[in-house]
Amino acid sequence: MILVICPVYNEQNNILPFVSRILRYVNSRVNFLFMEDNSEDLTRKICRYISENLPFSLRNKIFFVFNEGNLGYGENLLKGFSFALERSYEVILTIDCDFQHLPSYLPLFFSLSKKYDFVTGTRYSYNSALLSERNFYRYMINRKLVSFLKSLYGISVSDFFCGFRSYRKRLLENIFDNLMKFKGLTNINFSYDLPIYLWVEILNFTLNIKEIPIPFIFFEDRIFKGFGSEVLRSHYDRLKIYIDSFVKYYSMRR
């Protein structure tokens, strides 16, 4: 069984077409979980409408969770991971629902997840279709962080932050337990910094990973949003936060 987790926040223009697009992939083996994070626009209302009007055949295959407050990107993923592990899904995927990740790539992730513990998309491969102009600062921050991975683990990846990923259950169980212990010790609320901690956990557990090219799609008007996003608006502050978090967590996990 496969669960695809879709964080949702302020996506009133995208959520309905996104749900329509993923319906072709829903079946007895593939379920979807939408984490609605108390949006400030009409997203919540649209999600409730979709949820309440799903055909009977889809009601145990497409799930909606409505948060009481705005938890942020990282906390939503952790909440989705908990949902998946409690229900013993063997493969867990994450995908953004703003069409910067194309649902048409889902079957490729499904296929590769049979062989690899961890499959992650890359928008920076030579084989990635460049459908948008690269944001220079985000690109350089990404390069700095992937260089950390290579220096510490000897592994070469090209995209640190891509949220289009799949995890096998045995990997995710270890990641989830360690992150929850860390959360309990530090009282941290994970936001867009979650990939920092995920990479450390993944590479401490397995090297059975696969990076696959996906199109580079970036909407310049799509800024960091939701809980924990304010401190990331400055490129310098964002890089400093990421590196400090990486070094601190890597040192602790060693």
Foldseek 3Di string as FASTA:
>chain_A
DEEEEEEDEPPPVFPVVLVVQCPVVFDPQYAYEYEYQPYPDCPVVVVVVCQVPPDPVCNVRYYYDYDPHGQADVVSVLVVLVVCVVVVRFKYWYDYRNPQFPSVCVVVQVVCVVQFQKEFEDQPDPPAAAPDDDDVLVQVLQVVVQVVCCVVQVDHDRGQQGRGMMGGPVLSVQLSVVVVVVCVVPVDRDHSLVSLSVVLSNSVVDPRYHYHYYHRDDDPVDARDTPPRPQVPDSVSVSVVNVVVNVVNNVVVD
